[in-house]
Amino acid sequence: MKWSWRLGRIAGIDVFVHATFPILLAWVGFSEYTQSQSWSGALVGILFILVLFAIVVLHELGHA
């Protein structure tokens, strides 16, 4: 896939992430930092997106 990076393979299924995903993480981290004025708030926002990504990947693997 164009503009995607392969993260690995789970049960014979390739897992990719689009190149804009780090931009999403940076945007969420920045917006959370500006709202809370703390790095812990930014980290919580980034961790939320990463956990959400993991849940979506598990959901899609369930379809396979």
Protein backbone atom coordinates (compact mmCIF):
# COMPACT_ATOMS: atom_id res chain seq x y z
CA MET A 1 0.00 0.00 0.00
CA LYS A 2 1.24 3.43 -0.87
CA TRP A 3 2.08 5.70 2.09
CA SER A 4 1.78 2.82 4.57
CA TRP A 5 4.33 1.12 6.78
CA ARG A 6 4.18 -2.53 7.69
CA LEU A 7 4.19 -2.98 11.46
CA GLY A 8 4.33 -6.74 11.38
CA ARG A 9 2.36 -9.88 10.80
CA ILE A 10 -0.21 -11.37 13.15
CA ALA A 11 -1.55 -14.85 12.40
CA GLY A 12 -0.40 -14.52 8.80
CA ILE A 13 -2.08 -11.13 8.30
CA ASP A 14 0.06 -8.07 7.59
CA VAL A 15 -0.63 -5.05 9.80
CA PHE A 16 0.00 -1.64 8.24
CA VAL A 17 -0.20 1.90 9.54
CA HIS A 18 -0.66 4.91 7.28
CA ALA A 19 2.06 7.57 7.15
CA THR A 20 -0.35 10.16 8.57
CA PHE A 21 -0.73 8.24 11.84
CA PRO A 22 2.29 9.96 13.48
CA ILE A 23 0.75 13.29 12.45
CA LEU A 24 -2.44 12.29 14.26
CA LEU A 25 -0.43 11.39 17.36
CA ALA A 26 1.41 14.72 17.26
CA TRP A 27 -1.83 16.66 16.81
CA VAL A 28 -3.55 14.90 19.69
CA GLY A 29 -0.50 15.33 21.91
CA PHE A 30 -0.25 19.03 21.07
CA SER A 31 -3.95 19.72 21.58
CA GLU A 32 -4.02 17.85 24.89
CA TYR A 33 -0.90 19.70 26.03
CA THR A 34 -2.41 23.09 25.20
CA GLN A 35 -5.60 22.23 27.08
CA SER A 36 -4.01 20.76 30.20
CA GLN A 37 -0.64 22.55 30.16
CA SER A 38 1.02 19.33 31.26
CA TRP A 39 3.04 16.63 29.56
CA SER A 40 1.07 13.96 31.40
CA GLY A 41 -2.12 15.20 29.72
CA ALA A 42 -0.41 14.97 26.32
CA LEU A 43 0.83 11.47 27.11
CA VAL A 44 -2.66 10.35 28.15
CA GLY A 45 -4.07 11.63 24.87
CA ILE A 46 -1.41 9.83 22.84
CA LEU A 47 -1.89 6.61 24.81
CA PHE A 48 -5.64 6.84 24.22
CA ILE A 49 -5.10 6.96 20.45
CA LEU A 50 -2.63 4.05 20.59
CA VAL A 51 -5.05 1.92 22.63
CA LEU A 52 -7.86 2.82 20.24
CA PHE A 53 -5.64 1.75 17.33
CA ALA A 54 -4.91 -1.57 19.04
CA ILE A 55 -8.63 -2.17 19.63
CA VAL A 56 -9.43 -1.49 15.98
CA VAL A 57 -6.65 -3.84 14.86
CA LEU A 58 -7.99 -6.60 17.14
CA HIS A 59 -11.51 -5.99 15.82
CA GLU A 60 -10.37 -6.26 12.21
CA LEU A 61 -8.33 -9.40 12.96
CA GLY A 62 -11.53 -10.86 14.41
CA HIS A 63 -13.15 -10.48 10.99
CA ALA A 64 -10.33 -12.43 9.41
